[in-house]
Amino acid sequence: MIGYVTLGTNDLPRAVAFYDTLLASLGAKRAWENDRGVGWSTGRGPSLAAMKPFDGKAATAGNGTMVSLLAESREKVDEVYKLARELGAADEGAPGPRGPKFYGAYFRDLDGNKLCVFRMG
């Protein structure tokens, strides 16, 4: 159903460095790039892009908007969250169970976009 997700950035080189490292830890690599943005993919499922807004205005993080990244294990959730924090992401909720089957961690990227890394089961 979802083809791709775009997160706005005001500093494309900084966002690209952040996501190159973070998404590589989940098996993704650059799928495309141009002067306005870069997209990453694992080769299956939706892709994620960081882009300068098309209208030329400042990128802002949406209140209530969040992108969730699926991890292969709870250990991978912990690893990705730790890596995001080392890369400068802000904490929005440390790794842990959120209900009987959901294990997740929350952070904001360098532009304030909220992300979750999670594992079901």
PDB file of N, CA and C in Angstrom:
ATOM      1  N   MET A   1       0.815  -1.187   0.000  1.00  0.00           N
ATOM      2  CA  MET A   1       0.000   0.000   0.000  1.00  0.00           C
ATOM      3  C   MET A   1       0.862   1.256   0.000  1.00  0.00           C
ATOM      4  N   ILE A   2       1.825   1.380   0.880  1.00  0.00           N
ATOM      5  CA  ILE A   2       2.688   2.569   0.903  1.00  0.00           C
ATOM      6  C   ILE A   2       3.844   2.352  -0.063  1.00  0.00           C
ATOM      7  N   GLY A   3       4.065   3.298  -0.952  1.00  0.00           N
ATOM      8  CA  GLY A   3       5.155   3.215  -1.911  1.00  0.00           C
ATOM      9  C   GLY A   3       6.446   3.814  -1.386  1.00  0.00           C
ATOM     10  N   TYR A   4       6.328   4.996  -0.756  1.00  0.00           N
ATOM     11  CA  TYR A   4       7.491   5.650  -0.158  1.00  0.00           C
ATOM     12  C   TYR A   4       7.028   6.683   0.844  1.00  0.00           C
ATOM     13  N   VAL A   5       7.949   7.082   1.701  1.00  0.00           N
ATOM     14  CA  VAL A   5       7.717   8.116   2.705  1.00  0.00           C
ATOM     15  C   VAL A   5       8.788   9.176   2.507  1.00  0.00           C
ATOM     16  N   THR A   6       8.400  10.445   2.561  1.00  0.00           N
ATOM     17  CA  THR A   6       9.341  11.545   2.423  1.00  0.00           C
ATOM     18  C   THR A   6       9.393  12.336   3.724  1.00  0.00           C
ATOM     19  N   LEU A   7      10.597  12.611   4.197  1.00  0.00           N
ATOM     20  CA  LEU A   7      10.819  13.466   5.360  1.00  0.00           C
ATOM     21  C   LEU A   7      11.527  14.723   4.886  1.00  0.00           C
ATOM     22  N   GLY A   8      11.021  15.876   5.288  1.00  0.00           N
ATOM     23  CA  GLY A   8      11.623  17.135   4.881  1.00  0.00           C
ATOM     24  C   GLY A   8      12.889  17.429   5.648  1.00  0.00           C
ATOM     25  N   THR A   9      13.807  18.121   4.982  1.00  0.00           N
ATOM     26  CA  THR A   9      15.046  18.545   5.623  1.00  0.00           C
ATOM     27  C   THR A   9      15.411  19.950   5.165  1.00  0.00           C
ATOM     28  N   ASN A  10      16.059  20.680   6.051  1.00  0.00           N
ATOM     29  CA  ASN A  10      16.594  21.999   5.721  1.00  0.00           C
ATOM     30  C   ASN A  10      18.092  21.943   5.474  1.00  0.00           C
ATOM     31  N   ASP A  11      18.709  20.788   5.709  1.00  0.00           N
ATOM     32  CA  ASP A  11      20.146  20.602   5.520  1.00  0.00           C
ATOM     33  C   ASP A  11      20.345  19.215   4.909  1.00  0.00           C
ATOM     34  N   LEU A  12      20.243  19.139   3.589  1.00  0.00           N
ATOM     35  CA  LEU A  12      20.295  17.853   2.906  1.00  0.00           C
ATOM     36  C   LEU A  12      21.580  17.067   3.180  1.00  0.00           C
ATOM     37  N   PRO A  13      22.773  17.660   3.091  1.00  0.00           N
ATOM     38  CA  PRO A  13      23.973  16.869   3.368  1.00  0.00           C
ATOM     39  C   PRO A  13      23.974  16.265   4.782  1.00  0.00           C
ATOM     40  N   ARG A  14      23.515  17.025   5.755  1.00  0.00           N
ATOM     41  CA  ARG A  14      23.465  16.521   7.133  1.00  0.00           C
ATOM     42  C   ARG A  14      22.455  15.374   7.244  1.00  0.00           C
ATOM     43  N   ALA A  15      21.279  15.536   6.634  1.00  0.00           N
ATOM     44  CA  ALA A  15      20.260  14.485   6.670  1.00  0.00           C
ATOM     45  C   ALA A  15      20.752  13.223   5.963  1.00  0.00           C
ATOM     46  N   VAL A  16      21.414  13.382   4.833  1.00  0.00           N
ATOM     47  CA  VAL A  16      21.916  12.237   4.080  1.00  0.00           C
ATOM     48  C   VAL A  16      22.961  11.469   4.900  1.00  0.00           C
ATOM     49  N   ALA A  17      23.858  12.167   5.556  1.00  0.00           N
ATOM     50  CA  ALA A  17      24.860  11.496   6.396  1.00  0.00           C
ATOM     51  C   ALA A  17      24.173  10.712   7.513  1.00  0.00           C
ATOM     52  N   PHE A  18      23.154  11.313   8.146  1.00  0.00           N
ATOM     53  CA  PHE A  18      22.408  10.657   9.217  1.00  0.00           C
ATOM     54  C   PHE A  18      21.742   9.383   8.698  1.00  0.00           C
ATOM     55  N   TYR A  19      20.974   9.499   7.606  1.00  0.00           N
ATOM     56  CA  TYR A  19      20.210   8.356   7.105  1.00  0.00           C
ATOM     57  C   TYR A  19      21.070   7.324   6.389  1.00  0.00           C
ATOM     58  N   ASP A  20      22.171   7.717   5.753  1.00  0.00           N
ATOM     59  CA  ASP A  20      23.087   6.725   5.179  1.00  0.00           C
ATOM     60  C   ASP A  20      23.516   5.735   6.256  1.00  0.00           C
ATOM     61  N   THR A  21      23.907   6.255   7.397  1.00  0.00           N
ATOM     62  CA  THR A  21      24.400   5.405   8.486  1.00  0.00           C
ATOM     63  C   THR A  21      23.267   4.672   9.174  1.00  0.00           C
ATOM     64  N   LEU A  22      22.205   5.398   9.531  1.00  0.00           N
ATOM     65  CA  LEU A  22      21.099   4.782  10.266  1.00  0.00           C
ATOM     66  C   LEU A  22      20.421   3.681   9.451  1.00  0.00           C
ATOM     67  N   LEU A  23      20.071   3.965   8.211  1.00  0.00           N
ATOM     68  CA  LEU A  23      19.322   3.001   7.415  1.00  0.00           C
ATOM     69  C   LEU A  23      20.182   1.832   6.948  1.00  0.00           C
ATOM     70  N   ALA A  24      21.489   2.036   6.830  1.00  0.00           N
ATOM     71  CA  ALA A  24      22.380   0.913   6.516  1.00  0.00           C
ATOM     72  C   ALA A  24      22.299  -0.153   7.604  1.00  0.00           C
ATOM     73  N   SER A  25      22.078   0.277   8.844  1.00  0.00           N
ATOM     74  CA  SER A  25      21.982  -0.686   9.947  1.00  0.00           C
ATOM     75  C   SER A  25      20.719  -1.550   9.834  1.00  0.00           C
ATOM     76  N   LEU A  26      19.762  -1.132   8.998  1.00  0.00           N
ATOM     77  CA  LEU A  26      18.550  -1.912   8.741  1.00  0.00           C
ATOM     78  C   LEU A  26      18.585  -2.580   7.368  1.00  0.00           C
ATOM     79  N   GLY A  27      19.744  -2.534   6.714  1.00  0.00           N
ATOM     80  CA  GLY A  27      19.907  -3.194   5.421  1.00  0.00           C
ATOM     81  C   GLY A  27      19.522  -2.369   4.215  1.00  0.00           C
ATOM     82  N   ALA A  28      19.292  -1.069   4.395  1.00  0.00           N
ATOM     83  CA  ALA A  28      18.918  -0.207   3.270  1.00  0.00           C
ATOM     84  C   ALA A  28      20.134   0.499   2.698  1.00  0.00           C
ATOM     85  N   LYS A  29      20.030   0.845   1.428  1.00  0.00           N
ATOM     86  CA  LYS A  29      21.075   1.633   0.772  1.00  0.00           C
ATOM     87  C   LYS A  29      20.409   2.638  -0.152  1.00  0.00           C
ATOM     88  N   ARG A  30      21.191   3.576  -0.640  1.00  0.00           N
ATOM     89  CA  ARG A  30      20.640   4.599  -1.539  1.00  0.00           C
ATOM     90  C   ARG A  30      20.064   3.946  -2.783  1.00  0.00           C
ATOM     91  N   ALA A  31      18.828   4.314  -3.089  1.00  0.00           N
ATOM     92  CA  ALA A  31      18.157   3.807  -4.282  1.00  0.00           C
ATOM     93  C   ALA A  31      18.150   4.847  -5.395  1.00  0.00           C
ATOM     94  N   TRP A  32      18.167   6.120  -5.024  1.00  0.00           N
ATOM     95  CA  TRP A  32      18.201   7.224  -5.988  1.00  0.00           C
ATOM     96  C   TRP A  32      18.642   8.488  -5.267  1.00  0.00           C
ATOM     97  N   GLU A  33      19.078   9.465  -6.042  1.00  0.00           N
ATOM     98  CA  GLU A  33      19.418  10.776  -5.483  1.00  0.00           C
ATOM     99  C   GLU A  33      19.385  11.823  -6.580  1.00  0.00           C
ATOM    100  N   ASN A  34      19.052  13.049  -6.185  1.00  0.00           N
ATOM    101  CA  ASN A  34      19.095  14.189  -7.091  1.00  0.00           C
ATOM    102  C   ASN A  34      19.439  15.426  -6.261  1.00  0.00           C
ATOM    103  N   ASP A  35      19.342  16.606  -6.861  1.00  0.00           N
ATOM    104  CA  ASP A  35      19.756  17.818  -6.157  1.00  0.00           C
ATOM    105  C   ASP A  35      18.816  18.200  -5.009  1.00  0.00           C
ATOM    106  N   ARG A  36      17.611  17.642  -4.952  1.00  0.00           N
ATOM    107  CA  ARG A  36      16.648  17.954  -3.887  1.00  0.00           C
ATOM    108  C   ARG A  36      16.541  16.886  -2.813  1.00  0.00           C
ATOM    109  N   GLY A  37      17.032  15.659  -3.091  1.00  0.00           N
ATOM    110  CA  GLY A  37      16.852  14.620  -2.094  1.00  0.00           C
ATOM    111  C   GLY A  37      17.538  13.315  -2.419  1.00  0.00           C
ATOM    112  N   VAL A  38      17.414  12.390  -1.472  1.00  0.00           N
ATOM    113  CA  VAL A  38      17.976  11.051  -1.586  1.00  0.00           C
ATOM    114  C   VAL A  38      16.933  10.074  -1.066  1.00  0.00           C
ATOM    115  N   GLY A  39      16.822   8.922  -1.728  1.00  0.00           N
ATOM    116  CA  GLY A  39      15.925   7.864  -1.275  1.00  0.00           C
ATOM    117  C   GLY A  39      16.700   6.604  -0.962  1.00  0.00           C
ATOM    118  N   TRP A  40      16.251   5.886   0.071  1.00  0.00           N
ATOM    119  CA  TRP A  40      16.892   4.632   0.505  1.00  0.00           C
ATOM    120  C   TRP A  40      15.874   3.515   0.438  1.00  0.00           C
ATOM    121  N   SER A  41      16.356   2.295   0.178  1.00  0.00           N
ATOM    122  CA  SER A  41      15.471   1.146   0.100  1.00  0.00           C
ATOM    123  C   SER A  41      16.236  -0.121   0.463  1.00  0.00           C
ATOM    124  N   THR A  42      15.485  -1.100   0.942  1.00  0.00           N
ATOM    125  CA  THR A  42      16.061  -2.431   1.174  1.00  0.00           C
ATOM    126  C   THR A  42      15.877  -3.295  -0.063  1.00  0.00           C
ATOM    127  N   GLY A  43      15.158  -2.772  -1.051  1.00  0.00           N
ATOM    128  CA  GLY A  43      14.884  -3.532  -2.260  1.00  0.00           C
ATOM    129  C   GLY A  43      13.531  -4.216  -2.211  1.00  0.00           C
ATOM    130  N   ARG A  44      12.856  -4.133  -1.077  1.00  0.00           N
ATOM    131  CA  ARG A  44      11.510  -4.694  -0.935  1.00  0.00           C
ATOM    132  C   ARG A  44      10.707  -3.756  -0.042  1.00  0.00           C
ATOM    133  N   GLY A  45       9.465  -3.593  -0.340  1.00  0.00           N
ATOM    134  CA  GLY A  45       8.620  -2.727   0.467  1.00  0.00           C
ATOM    135  C   GLY A  45       8.857  -1.256   0.185  1.00  0.00           C
ATOM    136  N   PRO A  46       8.271  -0.384   1.010  1.00  0.00           N
ATOM    137  CA  PRO A  46       8.386   1.059   0.806  1.00  0.00           C
ATOM    138  C   PRO A  46       9.815   1.570   0.977  1.00  0.00           C
ATOM    139  N   SER A  47      10.074   2.708   0.377  1.00  0.00           N
ATOM    140  CA  SER A  47      11.369   3.365   0.554  1.00  0.00           C
ATOM    141  C   SER A  47      11.175   4.637   1.369  1.00  0.00           C
ATOM    142  N   LEU A  48      12.270   5.194   1.849  1.00  0.00           N
ATOM    143  CA  LEU A  48      12.254   6.420   2.643  1.00  0.00           C
ATOM    144  C   LEU A  48      13.152   7.442   1.963  1.00  0.00           C
ATOM    145  N   ALA A  49      12.705   8.684   1.903  1.00  0.00           N
ATOM    146  CA  ALA A  49      13.482   9.746   1.272  1.00  0.00           C
ATOM    147  C   ALA A  49      13.608  10.934   2.215  1.00  0.00           C
ATOM    148  N   ALA A  50      14.728  11.624   2.141  1.00  0.00           N
ATOM    149  CA  ALA A  50      14.933  12.920   2.792  1.00  0.00           C
ATOM    150  C   ALA A  50      15.039  13.937   1.667  1.00  0.00           C
ATOM    151  N   MET A  51      14.200  14.979   1.745  1.00  0.00           N
ATOM    152  CA  MET A  51      14.152  15.934   0.645  1.00  0.00           C
ATOM    153  C   MET A  51      13.973  17.352   1.127  1.00  0.00           C
ATOM    154  N   LYS A  52      14.520  18.284   0.341  1.00  0.00           N
ATOM    155  CA  LYS A  52      14.208  19.694   0.542  1.00  0.00           C
ATOM    156  C   LYS A  52      12.794  19.912   0.005  1.00  0.00           C
ATOM    157  N   PRO A  53      11.931  20.652   0.708  1.00  0.00           N
ATOM    158  CA  PRO A  53      10.561  20.846   0.237  1.00  0.00           C
ATOM    159  C   PRO A  53      10.508  21.449  -1.168  1.00  0.00           C
ATOM    160  N   PHE A  54       9.588  20.932  -1.973  1.00  0.00           N
ATOM    161  CA  PHE A  54       9.427  21.369  -3.349  1.00  0.00           C
ATOM    162  C   PHE A  54       9.068  22.843  -3.444  1.00  0.00           C
ATOM    163  N   ASP A  55       8.276  23.343  -2.474  1.00  0.00           N
ATOM    164  CA  ASP A  55       7.819  24.733  -2.538  1.00  0.00           C
ATOM    165  C   ASP A  55       8.888  25.745  -2.123  1.00  0.00           C
ATOM    166  N   GLY A  56      10.055  25.266  -1.711  1.00  0.00           N
ATOM    167  CA  GLY A  56      11.148  26.158  -1.339  1.00  0.00           C
ATOM    168  C   GLY A  56      11.049  26.730   0.065  1.00  0.00           C
ATOM    169  N   LYS A  57       9.973  26.438   0.762  1.00  0.00           N
ATOM    170  CA  LYS A  57       9.814  26.917   2.136  1.00  0.00           C
ATOM    171  C   LYS A  57      10.556  25.987   3.092  1.00  0.00           C
ATOM    172  N   ALA A  58      10.688  26.414   4.343  1.00  0.00           N
ATOM    173  CA  ALA A  58      11.396  25.617   5.344  1.00  0.00           C
ATOM    174  C   ALA A  58      10.662  24.314   5.622  1.00  0.00           C
ATOM    175  N   ALA A  59      11.422  23.241   5.795  1.00  0.00           N
ATOM    176  CA  ALA A  59      10.856  21.962   6.213  1.00  0.00           C
ATOM    177  C   ALA A  59      10.517  22.050   7.690  1.00  0.00           C
ATOM    178  N   THR A  60       9.380  21.489   8.055  1.00  0.00           N
ATOM    179  CA  THR A  60       8.968  21.426   9.453  1.00  0.00           C
ATOM    180  C   THR A  60       8.489  20.016   9.751  1.00  0.00           C
ATOM    181  N   ALA A  61       8.663  19.589  11.005  1.00  0.00           N
ATOM    182  CA  ALA A  61       8.192  18.266  11.429  1.00  0.00           C
ATOM    183  C   ALA A  61       6.704  18.349  11.739  1.00  0.00           C
ATOM    184  N   GLY A  62       5.930  17.398  11.265  1.00  0.00           N
ATOM    185  CA  GLY A  62       4.496  17.382  11.518  1.00  0.00           C
ATOM    186  C   GLY A  62       4.171  16.892  12.921  1.00  0.00           C
ATOM    187  N   ASN A  63       3.304  17.590  13.612  1.00  0.00           N
ATOM    188  CA  ASN A  63       2.863  17.162  14.925  1.00  0.00           C
ATOM    189  C   ASN A  63       1.902  15.992  14.758  1.00  0.00           C
ATOM    190  N   GLY A  64       2.245  14.839  15.312  1.00  0.00           N
ATOM    191  CA  GLY A  64       1.442  13.642  15.154  1.00  0.00           C
ATOM    192  C   GLY A  64       1.871  12.776  13.988  1.00  0.00           C
ATOM    193  N   THR A  65       2.837  13.239  13.212  1.00  0.00           N
ATOM    194  CA  THR A  65       3.355  12.474  12.083  1.00  0.00           C
ATOM    195  C   THR A  65       4.560  11.660  12.543  1.00  0.00           C
ATOM    196  N   MET A  66       4.598  10.384  12.152  1.00  0.00           N
ATOM    197  CA  MET A  66       5.712   9.525  12.548  1.00  0.00           C
ATOM    198  C   MET A  66       5.921   8.462  11.483  1.00  0.00           C
ATOM    199  N   VAL A  67       7.169   8.117  11.245  1.00  0.00           N
ATOM    200  CA  VAL A  67       7.532   7.031  10.353  1.00  0.00           C
ATOM    201  C   VAL A  67       8.075   5.906  11.225  1.00  0.00           C
ATOM    202  N   SER A  68       7.585   4.685  10.986  1.00  0.00           N
ATOM    203  CA  SER A  68       8.029   3.533  11.768  1.00  0.00           C
ATOM    204  C   SER A  68       8.832   2.589  10.894  1.00  0.00           C
ATOM    205  N   LEU A  69       9.994   2.190  11.404  1.00  0.00           N
ATOM    206  CA  LEU A  69      10.915   1.323  10.687  1.00  0.00           C
ATOM    207  C   LEU A  69      10.908  -0.059  11.330  1.00  0.00           C
ATOM    208  N   LEU A  70      10.642  -1.096  10.548  1.00  0.00           N
ATOM    209  CA  LEU A  70      10.571  -2.465  11.042  1.00  0.00           C
ATOM    210  C   LEU A  70      11.969  -3.040  11.233  1.00  0.00           C
ATOM    211  N   ALA A  71      12.215  -3.624  12.396  1.00  0.00           N
ATOM    212  CA  ALA A  71      13.502  -4.262  12.706  1.00  0.00           C
ATOM    213  C   ALA A  71      13.303  -5.773  12.791  1.00  0.00           C
ATOM    214  N   GLU A  72      14.380  -6.517  12.565  1.00  0.00           N
ATOM    215  CA  GLU A  72      14.311  -7.977  12.548  1.00  0.00           C
ATOM    216  C   GLU A  72      14.281  -8.600  13.938  1.00  0.00           C
ATOM    217  N   SER A  73      14.612  -7.823  14.964  1.00  0.00           N
ATOM    218  CA  SER A  73      14.638  -8.364  16.323  1.00  0.00           C
ATOM    219  C   SER A  73      14.586  -7.219  17.329  1.00  0.00           C
ATOM    220  N   ARG A  74      14.335  -7.568  18.582  1.00  0.00           N
ATOM    221  CA  ARG A  74      14.373  -6.565  19.646  1.00  0.00           C
ATOM    222  C   ARG A  74      15.786  -6.013  19.806  1.00  0.00           C
ATOM    223  N   GLU A  75      16.768  -6.871  19.620  1.00  0.00           N
ATOM    224  CA  GLU A  75      18.164  -6.430  19.717  1.00  0.00           C
ATOM    225  C   GLU A  75      18.476  -5.393  18.638  1.00  0.00           C
ATOM    226  N   LYS A  76      17.904  -5.588  17.451  1.00  0.00           N
ATOM    227  CA  LYS A  76      18.115  -4.628  16.366  1.00  0.00           C
ATOM    228  C   LYS A  76      17.435  -3.302  16.696  1.00  0.00           C
ATOM    229  N   VAL A  77      16.270  -3.341  17.350  1.00  0.00           N
ATOM    230  CA  VAL A  77      15.607  -2.111  17.799  1.00  0.00           C
ATOM    231  C   VAL A  77      16.551  -1.346  18.719  1.00  0.00           C
ATOM    232  N   ASP A  78      17.113  -2.050  19.695  1.00  0.00           N
ATOM    233  CA  ASP A  78      18.048  -1.421  20.633  1.00  0.00           C
ATOM    234  C   ASP A  78      19.245  -0.818  19.903  1.00  0.00           C
ATOM    235  N   GLU A  79      19.800  -1.581  18.955  1.00  0.00           N
ATOM    236  CA  GLU A  79      20.979  -1.149  18.206  1.00  0.00           C
ATOM    237  C   GLU A  79      20.696   0.103  17.366  1.00  0.00           C
ATOM    238  N   VAL A  80      19.578   0.104  16.665  1.00  0.00           N
ATOM    239  CA  VAL A  80      19.237   1.235  15.794  1.00  0.00           C
ATOM    240  C   VAL A  80      18.951   2.486  16.626  1.00  0.00           C
ATOM    241  N   TYR A  81      18.227   2.322  17.726  1.00  0.00           N
ATOM    242  CA  TYR A  81      17.945   3.453  18.615  1.00  0.00           C
ATOM    243  C   TYR A  81      19.255   4.045  19.149  1.00  0.00           C
ATOM    244  N   LYS A  82      20.153   3.189  19.600  1.00  0.00           N
ATOM    245  CA  LYS A  82      21.448   3.650  20.126  1.00  0.00           C
ATOM    246  C   LYS A  82      22.224   4.391  19.030  1.00  0.00           C
ATOM    247  N   LEU A  83      22.232   3.838  17.830  1.00  0.00           N
ATOM    248  CA  LEU A  83      22.933   4.469  16.713  1.00  0.00           C
ATOM    249  C   LEU A  83      22.312   5.828  16.385  1.00  0.00           C
ATOM    250  N   ALA A  84      20.994   5.896  16.353  1.00  0.00           N
ATOM    251  CA  ALA A  84      20.325   7.173  16.073  1.00  0.00           C
ATOM    252  C   ALA A  84      20.743   8.227  17.089  1.00  0.00           C
ATOM    253  N   ARG A  85      20.777   7.862  18.349  1.00  0.00           N
ATOM    254  CA  ARG A  85      21.174   8.803  19.401  1.00  0.00           C
ATOM    255  C   ARG A  85      22.632   9.226  19.219  1.00  0.00           C
ATOM    256  N   GLU A  86      23.502   8.290  18.867  1.00  0.00           N
ATOM    257  CA  GLU A  86      24.910   8.623  18.624  1.00  0.00           C
ATOM    258  C   GLU A  86      25.066   9.567  17.442  1.00  0.00           C
ATOM    259  N   LEU A  87      24.160   9.477  16.480  1.00  0.00           N
ATOM    260  CA  LEU A  87      24.189  10.338  15.296  1.00  0.00           C
ATOM    261  C   LEU A  87      23.548  11.701  15.548  1.00  0.00           C
ATOM    262  N   GLY A  88      23.048  11.914  16.763  1.00  0.00           N
ATOM    263  CA  GLY A  88      22.492  13.216  17.128  1.00  0.00           C
ATOM    264  C   GLY A  88      20.986  13.268  17.236  1.00  0.00           C
ATOM    265  N   ALA A  89      20.298  12.147  17.085  1.00  0.00           N
ATOM    266  CA  ALA A  89      18.835  12.133  17.213  1.00  0.00           C
ATOM    267  C   ALA A  89      18.433  12.403  18.658  1.00  0.00           C
ATOM    268  N   ALA A  90      17.275  13.022  18.828  1.00  0.00           N
ATOM    269  CA  ALA A  90      16.733  13.314  20.157  1.00  0.00           C
ATOM    270  C   ALA A  90      15.851  12.158  20.621  1.00  0.00           C
ATOM    271  N   ASP A  91      15.933  11.851  21.896  1.00  0.00           N
ATOM    272  CA  ASP A  91      15.137  10.781  22.491  1.00  0.00           C
ATOM    273  C   ASP A  91      13.661  11.145  22.527  1.00  0.00           C
ATOM    274  N   GLU A  92      12.819  10.213  22.130  1.00  0.00           N
ATOM    275  CA  GLU A  92      11.358  10.354  22.244  1.00  0.00           C
ATOM    276  C   GLU A  92      10.765   9.149  22.951  1.00  0.00           C
ATOM    277  N   GLY A  93      11.607   8.247  23.449  1.00  0.00           N
ATOM    278  CA  GLY A  93      11.134   7.056  24.152  1.00  0.00           C
ATOM    279  C   GLY A  93      12.105   5.911  23.966  1.00  0.00           C
ATOM    280  N   ALA A  94      12.781   5.537  25.037  1.00  0.00           N
ATOM    281  CA  ALA A  94      13.795   4.481  24.995  1.00  0.00           C
ATOM    282  C   ALA A  94      13.181   3.132  24.605  1.00  0.00           C
ATOM    283  N   PRO A  95      14.003   2.208  24.109  1.00  0.00           N
ATOM    284  CA  PRO A  95      13.498   0.890  23.728  1.00  0.00           C
ATOM    285  C   PRO A  95      12.801   0.187  24.885  1.00  0.00           C
ATOM    286  N   GLY A  96      11.715  -0.486  24.548  1.00  0.00           N
ATOM    287  CA  GLY A  96      11.001  -1.264  25.545  1.00  0.00           C
ATOM    288  C   GLY A  96       9.673  -1.736  25.012  1.00  0.00           C
ATOM    289  N   PRO A  97       9.023  -2.630  25.781  1.00  0.00           N
ATOM    290  CA  PRO A  97       7.720  -3.124  25.357  1.00  0.00           C
ATOM    291  C   PRO A  97       6.655  -2.042  25.485  1.00  0.00           C
ATOM    292  N   ARG A  98       5.768  -2.023  24.525  1.00  0.00           N
ATOM    293  CA  ARG A  98       4.611  -1.132  24.528  1.00  0.00           C
ATOM    294  C   ARG A  98       3.408  -2.028  24.265  1.00  0.00           C
ATOM    295  N   GLY A  99       2.999  -2.775  25.249  1.00  0.00           N
ATOM    296  CA  GLY A  99       1.950  -3.769  25.075  1.00  0.00           C
ATOM    297  C   GLY A  99       2.556  -5.154  24.969  1.00  0.00           C
ATOM    298  N   PRO A 100       1.712  -6.178  24.863  1.00  0.00           N
ATOM    299  CA  PRO A 100       2.203  -7.556  24.918  1.00  0.00           C
ATOM    300  C   PRO A 100       3.027  -7.999  23.714  1.00  0.00           C
ATOM    301  N   LYS A 101       2.828  -7.413  22.534  1.00  0.00           N
ATOM    302  CA  LYS A 101       3.517  -7.890  21.332  1.00  0.00           C
ATOM    303  C   LYS A 101       4.365  -6.844  20.636  1.00  0.00           C
ATOM    304  N   PHE A 102       4.365  -5.624  21.128  1.00  0.00           N
ATOM    305  CA  PHE A 102       5.056  -4.528  20.447  1.00  0.00           C
ATOM    306  C   PHE A 102       6.267  -4.096  21.268  1.00  0.00           C
ATOM    307  N   TYR A 103       7.432  -4.040  20.613  1.00  0.00           N
ATOM    308  CA  TYR A 103       8.660  -3.569  21.239  1.00  0.00           C
ATOM    309  C   TYR A 103       9.185  -2.449  20.355  1.00  0.00           C
ATOM    310  N   GLY A 104       9.361  -1.260  20.913  1.00  0.00           N
ATOM    311  CA  GLY A 104       9.763  -0.149  20.068  1.00  0.00           C
ATOM    312  C   GLY A 104      10.581   0.895  20.788  1.00  0.00           C
ATOM    313  N   ALA A 105      11.147   1.788  20.000  1.00  0.00           N
ATOM    314  CA  ALA A 105      11.922   2.923  20.490  1.00  0.00           C
ATOM    315  C   ALA A 105      11.621   4.101  19.575  1.00  0.00           C
ATOM    316  N   TYR A 106      11.668   5.299  20.145  1.00  0.00           N
ATOM    317  CA  TYR A 106      11.269   6.506  19.416  1.00  0.00           C
ATOM    318  C   TYR A 106      12.356   7.571  19.486  1.00  0.00           C
ATOM    319  N   PHE A 107      12.544   8.273  18.375  1.00  0.00           N
ATOM    320  CA  PHE A 107      13.524   9.361  18.334  1.00  0.00           C
ATOM    321  C   PHE A 107      13.139  10.360  17.265  1.00  0.00           C
ATOM    322  N   ARG A 108      13.749  11.548  17.343  1.00  0.00           N
ATOM    323  CA  ARG A 108      13.574  12.579  16.316  1.00  0.00           C
ATOM    324  C   ARG A 108      14.897  12.771  15.590  1.00  0.00           C
ATOM    325  N   ASP A 109      14.818  12.818  14.268  1.00  0.00           N
ATOM    326  CA  ASP A 109      16.026  13.017  13.474  1.00  0.00           C
ATOM    327  C   ASP A 109      16.539  14.445  13.637  1.00  0.00           C
ATOM    328  N   LEU A 110      17.539  14.807  12.883  1.00  0.00           N
ATOM    329  CA  LEU A 110      18.198  16.101  13.039  1.00  0.00           C
ATOM    330  C   LEU A 110      17.323  17.273  12.610  1.00  0.00           C
ATOM    331  N   ASP A 111      16.242  16.996  11.878  1.00  0.00           N
ATOM    332  CA  ASP A 111      15.292  18.032  11.478  1.00  0.00           C
ATOM    333  C   ASP A 111      14.022  18.003  12.320  1.00  0.00           C
ATOM    334  N   GLY A 112      13.970  17.144  13.327  1.00  0.00           N
ATOM    335  CA  GLY A 112      12.810  17.061  14.216  1.00  0.00           C
ATOM    336  C   GLY A 112      11.738  16.091  13.782  1.00  0.00           C
ATOM    337  N   ASN A 113      11.957  15.338  12.700  1.00  0.00           N
ATOM    338  CA  ASN A 113      10.993  14.336  12.260  1.00  0.00           C
ATOM    339  C   ASN A 113      10.993  13.166  13.242  1.00  0.00           C
ATOM    340  N   LYS A 114       9.813  12.700  13.631  1.00  0.00           N
ATOM    341  CA  LYS A 114       9.703  11.599  14.594  1.00  0.00           C
ATOM    342  C   LYS A 114       9.715  10.259  13.899  1.00  0.00           C
ATOM    343  N   LEU A 115      10.569   9.370  14.412  1.00  0.00           N
ATOM    344  CA  LEU A 115      10.649   8.007  13.889  1.00  0.00           C
ATOM    345  C   LEU A 115      10.531   7.009  15.021  1.00  0.00           C
ATOM    346  N   CYS A 116      10.088   5.818  14.660  1.00  0.00           N
ATOM    347  CA  CYS A 116      10.014   4.700  15.586  1.00  0.00           C
ATOM    348  C   CYS A 116      10.731   3.538  14.900  1.00  0.00           C
ATOM    349  N   VAL A 117      11.478   2.777  15.659  1.00  0.00           N
ATOM    350  CA  VAL A 117      12.002   1.500  15.178  1.00  0.00           C
ATOM    351  C   VAL A 117      11.345   0.448  16.061  1.00  0.00           C
ATOM    352  N   PHE A 118      10.793  -0.616  15.442  1.00  0.00           N
ATOM    353  CA  PHE A 118       9.979  -1.542  16.219  1.00  0.00           C
ATOM    354  C   PHE A 118      10.083  -2.981  15.732  1.00  0.00           C
ATOM    355  N   ARG A 119       9.599  -3.861  16.587  1.00  0.00           N
ATOM    356  CA  ARG A 119       9.475  -5.295  16.270  1.00  0.00           C
ATOM    357  C   ARG A 119       8.182  -5.792  16.886  1.00  0.00           C
ATOM    358  N   MET A 120       7.397  -6.506  16.119  1.00  0.00           N
ATOM    359  CA  MET A 120       6.178  -7.130  16.642  1.00  0.00           C
ATOM    360  C   MET A 120       6.509  -8.570  17.027  1.00  0.00           C
ATOM    361  N   GLY A 121       5.872  -9.043  18.097  1.00  0.00           N
ATOM    362  CA  GLY A 121       6.061 -10.427  18.525  1.00  0.00           C
ATOM    363  C   GLY A 121       7.146 -10.567  19.547  1.00  0.00           C
TER     364      GLY A 121
END
